[in-house]
Amino acid sequence: LATRDFRINIPLQSDATGGSIEDAVTAFGRAADRLSA
């Protein structure tokens, strides 16, 4: 019935040279939320 490509990019909310696994997991969740919308 229909096809579509979804590309989502979410910056980490931390310094580019730092950041933690928690920052990354939060960004994964935000990407999934935007995809869902």
PDB file of all heavy atoms in Angstrom:
ATOM      1  N   LEU A   1       0.811  -1.213   0.000  1.00  0.00           N
ATOM      2  CA  LEU A   1       0.000   0.000   0.000  1.00  0.00           C
ATOM      3  C   LEU A   1       0.847   1.267   0.000  1.00  0.00           C
ATOM      4  O   LEU A   1       0.459   2.278  -0.587  1.00  0.00           O
ATOM      5  CB  LEU A   1      -0.921   0.008   1.230  1.00  0.00           C
ATOM      6  CG  LEU A   1      -1.861  -1.193   1.375  1.00  0.00           C
ATOM      7  CD1 LEU A   1      -2.630  -1.101   2.690  1.00  0.00           C
ATOM      8  CD2 LEU A   1      -2.820  -1.264   0.186  1.00  0.00           C
ATOM      9  N   ALA A   2       1.992   1.220   0.679  1.00  0.00           N
ATOM     10  CA  ALA A   2       2.845   2.406   0.761  1.00  0.00           C
ATOM     11  C   ALA A   2       4.215   1.989   1.277  1.00  0.00           C
ATOM     12  O   ALA A   2       4.349   0.994   1.995  1.00  0.00           O
ATOM     13  CB  ALA A   2       2.231   3.456   1.687  1.00  0.00           C
ATOM     14  N   THR A   3       5.227   2.757   0.878  1.00  0.00           N
ATOM     15  CA  THR A   3       6.582   2.551   1.391  1.00  0.00           C
ATOM     16  C   THR A   3       7.163   3.902   1.801  1.00  0.00           C
ATOM     17  O   THR A   3       6.778   4.945   1.255  1.00  0.00           O
ATOM     18  CB  THR A   3       7.514   1.918   0.340  1.00  0.00           C
ATOM     19  OG1 THR A   3       7.632   2.808  -0.784  1.00  0.00           O
ATOM     20  CG2 THR A   3       6.975   0.575  -0.132  1.00  0.00           C
ATOM     21  N   ARG A   4       8.093   3.858   2.746  1.00  0.00           N
ATOM     22  CA  ARG A   4       8.735   5.104   3.164  1.00  0.00           C
ATOM     23  C   ARG A   4      10.024   4.796   3.904  1.00  0.00           C
ATOM     24  O   ARG A   4      10.121   3.797   4.621  1.00  0.00           O
ATOM     25  CB  ARG A   4       7.804   5.915   4.064  1.00  0.00           C
ATOM     26  CG  ARG A   4       8.401   7.258   4.484  1.00  0.00           C
ATOM     27  CD  ARG A   4       7.380   8.148   5.131  1.00  0.00           C
ATOM     28  NE  ARG A   4       8.017   9.281   5.795  1.00  0.00           N
ATOM     29  CZ  ARG A   4       7.366  10.211   6.484  1.00  0.00           C
ATOM     30  NH1 ARG A   4       6.047  10.164   6.591  1.00  0.00           N
ATOM     31  NH2 ARG A   4       8.016  11.199   7.074  1.00  0.00           N
ATOM     32  N   ASP A   5      11.025   5.657   3.721  1.00  0.00           N
ATOM     33  CA  ASP A   5      12.283   5.585   4.469  1.00  0.00           C
ATOM     34  C   ASP A   5      12.256   6.628   5.577  1.00  0.00           C
ATOM     35  O   ASP A   5      11.905   7.795   5.340  1.00  0.00           O
ATOM     36  CB  ASP A   5      13.481   5.859   3.552  1.00  0.00           C
ATOM     37  CG  ASP A   5      13.711   4.744   2.547  1.00  0.00           C
ATOM     38  OD1 ASP A   5      13.056   3.682   2.661  1.00  0.00           O
ATOM     39  OD2 ASP A   5      14.547   4.941   1.643  1.00  0.00           O
ATOM     40  N   PHE A   6      12.661   6.214   6.776  1.00  0.00           N
ATOM     41  CA  PHE A   6      12.711   7.116   7.922  1.00  0.00           C
ATOM     42  C   PHE A   6      14.160   7.235   8.385  1.00  0.00           C
ATOM     43  O   PHE A   6      14.789   6.233   8.733  1.00  0.00           O
ATOM     44  CB  PHE A   6      11.849   6.583   9.072  1.00  0.00           C
ATOM     45  CG  PHE A   6      10.382   6.500   8.752  1.00  0.00           C
ATOM     46  CD1 PHE A   6       9.846   5.346   8.190  1.00  0.00           C
ATOM     47  CD2 PHE A   6       9.533   7.576   9.004  1.00  0.00           C
ATOM     48  CE1 PHE A   6       8.488   5.262   7.898  1.00  0.00           C
ATOM     49  CE2 PHE A   6       8.181   7.501   8.704  1.00  0.00           C
ATOM     50  CZ  PHE A   6       7.659   6.340   8.151  1.00  0.00           C
ATOM     51  N   ARG A   7      14.667   8.455   8.380  1.00  0.00           N
ATOM     52  CA  ARG A   7      16.028   8.722   8.855  1.00  0.00           C
ATOM     53  C   ARG A   7      15.953   9.701  10.023  1.00  0.00           C
ATOM     54  O   ARG A   7      15.450  10.812   9.873  1.00  0.00           O
ATOM     55  CB  ARG A   7      16.906   9.309   7.744  1.00  0.00           C
ATOM     56  CG  ARG A   7      17.182   8.351   6.587  1.00  0.00           C
ATOM     57  CD  ARG A   7      18.077   9.003   5.549  1.00  0.00           C
ATOM     58  NE  ARG A   7      18.334   8.145   4.409  1.00  0.00           N
ATOM     59  CZ  ARG A   7      19.345   7.297   4.325  1.00  0.00           C
ATOM     60  NH1 ARG A   7      20.217   7.203   5.333  1.00  0.00           N
ATOM     61  NH2 ARG A   7      19.520   6.543   3.247  1.00  0.00           N
ATOM     62  N   ILE A   8      16.443   9.263  11.179  1.00  0.00           N
ATOM     63  CA  ILE A   8      16.385  10.064  12.392  1.00  0.00           C
ATOM     64  C   ILE A   8      17.814  10.311  12.883  1.00  0.00           C
ATOM     65  O   ILE A   8      18.623   9.376  12.956  1.00  0.00           O
ATOM     66  CB  ILE A   8      15.580   9.355  13.496  1.00  0.00           C
ATOM     67  CG1 ILE A   8      14.218   8.885  12.960  1.00  0.00           C
ATOM     68  CG2 ILE A   8      15.426  10.252  14.717  1.00  0.00           C
ATOM     69  CD1 ILE A   8      13.291   9.996  12.558  1.00  0.00           C
ATOM     70  N   ASN A   9      18.115  11.571  13.230  1.00  0.00           N
ATOM     71  CA  ASN A   9      19.416  11.932  13.796  1.00  0.00           C
ATOM     72  C   ASN A   9      19.183  12.752  15.060  1.00  0.00           C
ATOM     73  O   ASN A   9      18.542  13.804  15.008  1.00  0.00           O
ATOM     74  CB  ASN A   9      20.239  12.743  12.800  1.00  0.00           C
ATOM     75  CG  ASN A   9      20.683  11.930  11.597  1.00  0.00           C
ATOM     76  OD1 ASN A   9      21.701  11.255  11.647  1.00  0.00           O
ATOM     77  ND2 ASN A   9      19.913  11.986  10.519  1.00  0.00           N
ATOM     78  N   ILE A  10      19.714  12.267  16.176  1.00  0.00           N
ATOM     79  CA  ILE A  10      19.531  12.934  17.468  1.00  0.00           C
ATOM     80  C   ILE A  10      20.900  13.185  18.093  1.00  0.00           C
ATOM     81  O   ILE A  10      21.609  12.235  18.450  1.00  0.00           O
ATOM     82  CB  ILE A  10      18.674  12.087  18.422  1.00  0.00           C
ATOM     83  CG1 ILE A  10      17.297  11.818  17.826  1.00  0.00           C
ATOM     84  CG2 ILE A  10      18.572  12.767  19.783  1.00  0.00           C
ATOM     85  CD1 ILE A  10      16.426  13.052  17.703  1.00  0.00           C
ATOM     86  N   PRO A  11      21.324  14.455  18.237  1.00  0.00           N
ATOM     87  CA  PRO A  11      22.608  14.738  18.911  1.00  0.00           C
ATOM     88  C   PRO A  11      22.569  14.323  20.378  1.00  0.00           C
ATOM     89  O   PRO A  11      21.530  14.429  21.039  1.00  0.00           O
ATOM     90  CB  PRO A  11      22.756  16.252  18.764  1.00  0.00           C
ATOM     91  CG  PRO A  11      21.818  16.641  17.669  1.00  0.00           C
ATOM     92  CD  PRO A  11      20.681  15.676  17.726  1.00  0.00           C
ATOM     93  N   LEU A  12      23.711  13.852  20.888  1.00  0.00           N
ATOM     94  CA  LEU A  12      23.820  13.559  22.306  1.00  0.00           C
ATOM     95  C   LEU A  12      23.857  14.864  23.086  1.00  0.00           C
ATOM     96  O   LEU A  12      24.480  15.847  22.647  1.00  0.00           O
ATOM     97  CB  LEU A  12      25.078  12.751  22.609  1.00  0.00           C
ATOM     98  CG  LEU A  12      24.937  11.226  22.580  1.00  0.00           C
ATOM     99  CD1 LEU A  12      24.626  10.731  21.180  1.00  0.00           C
ATOM    100  CD2 LEU A  12      26.188  10.554  23.130  1.00  0.00           C
ATOM    101  N   GLN A  13      23.212  14.888  24.220  1.00  0.00           N
ATOM    102  CA  GLN A  13      23.184  16.083  25.051  1.00  0.00           C
ATOM    103  C   GLN A  13      24.382  16.079  25.982  1.00  0.00           C
ATOM    104  O   GLN A  13      24.277  15.987  27.199  1.00  0.00           O
ATOM    105  CB  GLN A  13      21.883  16.145  25.844  1.00  0.00           C
ATOM    106  CG  GLN A  13      20.657  16.324  24.964  1.00  0.00           C
ATOM    107  CD  GLN A  13      19.374  16.371  25.754  1.00  0.00           C
ATOM    108  OE1 GLN A  13      19.262  15.799  26.831  1.00  0.00           O
ATOM    109  NE2 GLN A  13      18.384  17.076  25.221  1.00  0.00           N
ATOM    110  N   SER A  14      25.552  16.151  25.381  1.00  0.00           N
ATOM    111  CA  SER A  14      26.804  16.163  26.144  1.00  0.00           C
ATOM    112  C   SER A  14      27.893  16.691  25.237  1.00  0.00           C
ATOM    113  O   SER A  14      27.714  16.866  24.035  1.00  0.00           O
ATOM    114  CB  SER A  14      27.160  14.753  26.629  1.00  0.00           C
ATOM    115  OG  SER A  14      27.364  13.891  25.522  1.00  0.00           O
ATOM    116  N   ASP A  15      29.064  16.939  25.820  1.00  0.00           N
ATOM    117  CA  ASP A  15      30.196  17.403  25.034  1.00  0.00           C
ATOM    118  C   ASP A  15      30.605  16.339  24.033  1.00  0.00           C
ATOM    119  O   ASP A  15      30.562  15.136  24.322  1.00  0.00           O
ATOM    120  CB  ASP A  15      31.386  17.716  25.952  1.00  0.00           C
ATOM    121  CG  ASP A  15      32.567  18.282  25.174  1.00  0.00           C
ATOM    122  OD1 ASP A  15      32.533  19.467  24.825  1.00  0.00           O
ATOM    123  OD2 ASP A  15      33.502  17.512  24.924  1.00  0.00           O
ATOM    124  N   ALA A  16      31.020  16.753  22.852  1.00  0.00           N
ATOM    125  CA  ALA A  16      31.333  15.800  21.777  1.00  0.00           C
ATOM    126  C   ALA A  16      32.459  14.858  22.153  1.00  0.00           C
ATOM    127  O   ALA A  16      32.530  13.741  21.667  1.00  0.00           O
ATOM    128  CB  ALA A  16      31.702  16.557  20.499  1.00  0.00           C
ATOM    129  N   THR A  17      33.388  15.287  23.007  1.00  0.00           N
ATOM    130  CA  THR A  17      34.513  14.435  23.376  1.00  0.00           C
ATOM    131  C   THR A  17      34.255  13.664  24.663  1.00  0.00           C
ATOM    132  O   THR A  17      35.053  12.824  25.038  1.00  0.00           O
ATOM    133  CB  THR A  17      35.782  15.278  23.550  1.00  0.00           C
ATOM    134  OG1 THR A  17      35.537  16.257  24.591  1.00  0.00           O
ATOM    135  CG2 THR A  17      36.133  15.988  22.270  1.00  0.00           C
ATOM    136  N   GLY A  18      33.151  13.972  25.344  1.00  0.00           N
ATOM    137  CA  GLY A  18      32.850  13.282  26.589  1.00  0.00           C
ATOM    138  C   GLY A  18      31.616  12.437  26.438  1.00  0.00           C
ATOM    139  O   GLY A  18      31.477  11.673  25.506  1.00  0.00           O
ATOM    140  N   GLY A  19      30.681  12.609  27.362  1.00  0.00           N
ATOM    141  CA  GLY A  19      29.444  11.846  27.272  1.00  0.00           C
ATOM    142  C   GLY A  19      29.576  10.488  27.921  1.00  0.00           C
ATOM    143  O   GLY A  19      30.672   9.978  28.144  1.00  0.00           O
ATOM    144  N   SER A  20      28.468   9.903  28.225  1.00  0.00           N
ATOM    145  CA  SER A  20      28.440   8.622  28.914  1.00  0.00           C
ATOM    146  C   SER A  20      27.463   7.691  28.208  1.00  0.00           C
ATOM    147  O   SER A  20      26.739   8.102  27.293  1.00  0.00           O
ATOM    148  CB  SER A  20      28.002   8.832  30.366  1.00  0.00           C
ATOM    149  OG  SER A  20      26.670   9.331  30.401  1.00  0.00           O
ATOM    150  N   ILE A  21      27.437   6.453  28.664  1.00  0.00           N
ATOM    151  CA  ILE A  21      26.491   5.504  28.111  1.00  0.00           C
ATOM    152  C   ILE A  21      25.061   5.965  28.407  1.00  0.00           C
ATOM    153  O   ILE A  21      24.157   5.769  27.592  1.00  0.00           O
ATOM    154  CB  ILE A  21      26.759   4.084  28.664  1.00  0.00           C
ATOM    155  CG1 ILE A  21      25.765   3.076  28.082  1.00  0.00           C
ATOM    156  CG2 ILE A  21      26.731   4.064  30.168  1.00  0.00           C
ATOM    157  CD1 ILE A  21      25.798   2.946  26.583  1.00  0.00           C
ATOM    158  N   GLU A  22      24.853   6.618  29.542  1.00  0.00           N
ATOM    159  CA  GLU A  22      23.518   7.129  29.861  1.00  0.00           C
ATOM    160  C   GLU A  22      23.079   8.187  28.849  1.00  0.00           C
ATOM    161  O   GLU A  22      21.915   8.225  28.449  1.00  0.00           O
ATOM    162  CB  GLU A  22      23.491   7.708  31.278  1.00  0.00           C
ATOM    163  CG  GLU A  22      23.576   6.674  32.384  1.00  0.00           C
ATOM    164  CD  GLU A  22      24.985   6.212  32.670  1.00  0.00           C
ATOM    165  OE1 GLU A  22      25.937   6.755  32.052  1.00  0.00           O
ATOM    166  OE2 GLU A  22      25.150   5.306  33.515  1.00  0.00           O
ATOM    167  N   ASP A  23      24.014   9.070  28.430  1.00  0.00           N
ATOM    168  CA  ASP A  23      23.698  10.066  27.406  1.00  0.00           C
ATOM    169  C   ASP A  23      23.294   9.388  26.098  1.00  0.00           C
ATOM    170  O   ASP A  23      22.343   9.804  25.421  1.00  0.00           O
ATOM    171  CB  ASP A  23      24.900  10.981  27.152  1.00  0.00           C
ATOM    172  CG  ASP A  23      25.252  11.819  28.364  1.00  0.00           C
ATOM    173  OD1 ASP A  23      24.342  12.238  29.087  1.00  0.00           O
ATOM    174  OD2 ASP A  23      26.464  12.046  28.585  1.00  0.00           O
ATOM    175  N   ALA A  24      24.033   8.346  25.740  1.00  0.00           N
ATOM    176  CA  ALA A  24      23.745   7.634  24.495  1.00  0.00           C
ATOM    177  C   ALA A  24      22.380   6.953  24.555  1.00  0.00           C
ATOM    178  O   ALA A  24      21.584   7.051  23.608  1.00  0.00           O
ATOM    179  CB  ALA A  24      24.839   6.607  24.214  1.00  0.00           C
ATOM    180  N   VAL A  25      22.086   6.278  25.660  1.00  0.00           N
ATOM    181  CA  VAL A  25      20.801   5.582  25.791  1.00  0.00           C
ATOM    182  C   VAL A  25      19.647   6.579  25.730  1.00  0.00           C
ATOM    183  O   VAL A  25      18.613   6.320  25.101  1.00  0.00           O
ATOM    184  CB  VAL A  25      20.771   4.761  27.091  1.00  0.00           C
ATOM    185  CG1 VAL A  25      19.360   4.263  27.392  1.00  0.00           C
ATOM    186  CG2 VAL A  25      21.733   3.581  26.988  1.00  0.00           C
ATOM    187  N   THR A  26      19.813   7.735  26.359  1.00  0.00           N
ATOM    188  CA  THR A  26      18.784   8.775  26.289  1.00  0.00           C
ATOM    189  C   THR A  26      18.545   9.203  24.848  1.00  0.00           C
ATOM    190  O   THR A  26      17.393   9.372  24.413  1.00  0.00           O
ATOM    191  CB  THR A  26      19.205   9.996  27.131  1.00  0.00           C
ATOM    192  OG1 THR A  26      19.289   9.598  28.505  1.00  0.00           O
ATOM    193  CG2 THR A  26      18.183  11.124  27.009  1.00  0.00           C
ATOM    194  N   ALA A  27      19.617   9.362  24.081  1.00  0.00           N
ATOM    195  CA  ALA A  27      19.479   9.765  22.677  1.00  0.00           C
ATOM    196  C   ALA A  27      18.820   8.664  21.847  1.00  0.00           C
ATOM    197  O   ALA A  27      18.020   8.945  20.945  1.00  0.00           O
ATOM    198  CB  ALA A  27      20.847  10.125  22.101  1.00  0.00           C
ATOM    199  N   PHE A  28      19.128   7.403  22.123  1.00  0.00           N
ATOM    200  CA  PHE A  28      18.450   6.306  21.434  1.00  0.00           C
ATOM    201  C   PHE A  28      16.942   6.368  21.691  1.00  0.00           C
ATOM    202  O   PHE A  28      16.131   6.172  20.778  1.00  0.00           O
ATOM    203  CB  PHE A  28      18.992   4.954  21.904  1.00  0.00           C
ATOM    204  CG  PHE A  28      20.233   4.492  21.200  1.00  0.00           C
ATOM    205  CD1 PHE A  28      21.464   4.519  21.837  1.00  0.00           C
ATOM    206  CD2 PHE A  28      20.172   4.011  19.897  1.00  0.00           C
ATOM    207  CE1 PHE A  28      22.621   4.088  21.201  1.00  0.00           C
ATOM    208  CE2 PHE A  28      21.330   3.571  19.242  1.00  0.00           C
ATOM    209  CZ  PHE A  28      22.555   3.610  19.901  1.00  0.00           C
ATOM    210  N   GLY A  29      16.560   6.641  22.932  1.00  0.00           N
ATOM    211  CA  GLY A  29      15.147   6.749  23.252  1.00  0.00           C
ATOM    212  C   GLY A  29      14.471   7.899  22.536  1.00  0.00           C
ATOM    213  O   GLY A  29      13.346   7.758  22.031  1.00  0.00           O
ATOM    214  N   ARG A  30      15.139   9.041  22.464  1.00  0.00           N
ATOM    215  CA  ARG A  30      14.578  10.191  21.761  1.00  0.00           C
ATOM    216  C   ARG A  30      14.436   9.908  20.271  1.00  0.00           C
ATOM    217  O   ARG A  30      13.466  10.329  19.626  1.00  0.00           O
ATOM    218  CB  ARG A  30      15.449  11.425  21.993  1.00  0.00           C
ATOM    219  CG  ARG A  30      15.417  11.949  23.426  1.00  0.00           C
ATOM    220  CD  ARG A  30      16.446  13.040  23.644  1.00  0.00           C
ATOM    221  NE  ARG A  30      16.236  14.143  22.706  1.00  0.00           N
ATOM    222  CZ  ARG A  30      17.222  14.903  22.210  1.00  0.00           C
ATOM    223  NH1 ARG A  30      18.487  14.647  22.524  1.00  0.00           N
ATOM    224  NH2 ARG A  30      16.945  15.873  21.391  1.00  0.00           N
ATOM    225  N   ALA A  31      15.403   9.177  19.705  1.00  0.00           N
ATOM    226  CA  ALA A  31      15.314   8.803  18.287  1.00  0.00           C
ATOM    227  C   ALA A  31      14.115   7.889  18.047  1.00  0.00           C
ATOM    228  O   ALA A  31      13.379   8.053  17.064  1.00  0.00           O
ATOM    229  CB  ALA A  31      16.605   8.115  17.849  1.00  0.00           C
ATOM    230  N   ALA A  32      13.892   6.932  18.945  1.00  0.00           N
ATOM    231  CA  ALA A  32      12.745   6.033  18.801  1.00  0.00           C
ATOM    232  C   ALA A  32      11.426   6.784  18.965  1.00  0.00           C
ATOM    233  O   ALA A  32      10.440   6.489  18.280  1.00  0.00           O
ATOM    234  CB  ALA A  32      12.857   4.897  19.812  1.00  0.00           C
ATOM    235  N   ASP A  33      11.391   7.772  19.863  1.00  0.00           N
ATOM    236  CA  ASP A  33      10.186   8.591  20.033  1.00  0.00           C
ATOM    237  C   ASP A  33       9.874   9.371  18.754  1.00  0.00           C
ATOM    238  O   ASP A  33       8.716   9.432  18.318  1.00  0.00           O
ATOM    239  CB  ASP A  33      10.367   9.579  21.192  1.00  0.00           C
ATOM    240  CG  ASP A  33      10.335   8.910  22.552  1.00  0.00           C
ATOM    241  OD1 ASP A  33       9.796   7.798  22.669  1.00  0.00           O
ATOM    242  OD2 ASP A  33      10.868   9.510  23.513  1.00  0.00           O
ATOM    243  N   ARG A  34      10.899   9.992  18.176  1.00  0.00           N
ATOM    244  CA  ARG A  34      10.671  10.765  16.945  1.00  0.00           C
ATOM    245  C   ARG A  34      10.240   9.842  15.803  1.00  0.00           C
ATOM    246  O   ARG A  34       9.339  10.183  15.027  1.00  0.00           O
ATOM    247  CB  ARG A  34      11.922  11.539  16.551  1.00  0.00           C
ATOM    248  CG  ARG A  34      11.703  12.408  15.312  1.00  0.00           C
ATOM    249  CD  ARG A  34      12.912  13.260  14.977  1.00  0.00           C
ATOM    250  NE  ARG A  34      13.182  14.232  16.016  1.00  0.00           N
ATOM    251  CZ  ARG A  34      14.192  15.112  15.974  1.00  0.00           C
ATOM    252  NH1 ARG A  34      15.013  15.112  14.931  1.00  0.00           N
ATOM    253  NH2 ARG A  34      14.373  15.967  16.951  1.00  0.00           N
ATOM    254  N   LEU A  35      10.893   8.691  15.699  1.00  0.00           N
ATOM    255  CA  LEU A  35      10.483   7.726  14.676  1.00  0.00           C
ATOM    256  C   LEU A  35       9.019   7.344  14.871  1.00  0.00           C
ATOM    257  O   LEU A  35       8.252   7.290  13.898  1.00  0.00           O
ATOM    258  CB  LEU A  35      11.364   6.482  14.744  1.00  0.00           C
ATOM    259  CG  LEU A  35      10.926   5.332  13.833  1.00  0.00           C
ATOM    260  CD1 LEU A  35      11.210   5.662  12.369  1.00  0.00           C
ATOM    261  CD2 LEU A  35      11.616   4.023  14.233  1.00  0.00           C
ATOM    262  N   SER A  36       8.617   7.084  16.099  1.00  0.00           N
ATOM    263  CA  SER A  36       7.243   6.683  16.381  1.00  0.00           C
ATOM    264  C   SER A  36       6.256   7.754  15.936  1.00  0.00           C
ATOM    265  O   SER A  36       5.198   7.443  15.367  1.00  0.00           O
ATOM    266  CB  SER A  36       7.074   6.398  17.880  1.00  0.00           C
ATOM    267  OG  SER A  36       7.874   5.307  18.285  1.00  0.00           O
ATOM    268  N   ALA A  37       6.590   9.020  16.179  1.00  0.00           N
ATOM    269  CA  ALA A  37       5.705  10.112  15.770  1.00  0.00           C
ATOM    270  C   ALA A  37       5.571  10.172  14.251  1.00  0.00           C
ATOM    271  O   ALA A  37       4.465  10.344  13.716  1.00  0.00           O
ATOM    272  CB  ALA A  37       6.240  11.435  16.316  1.00  0.00           C
TER     273      ALA A  37
END
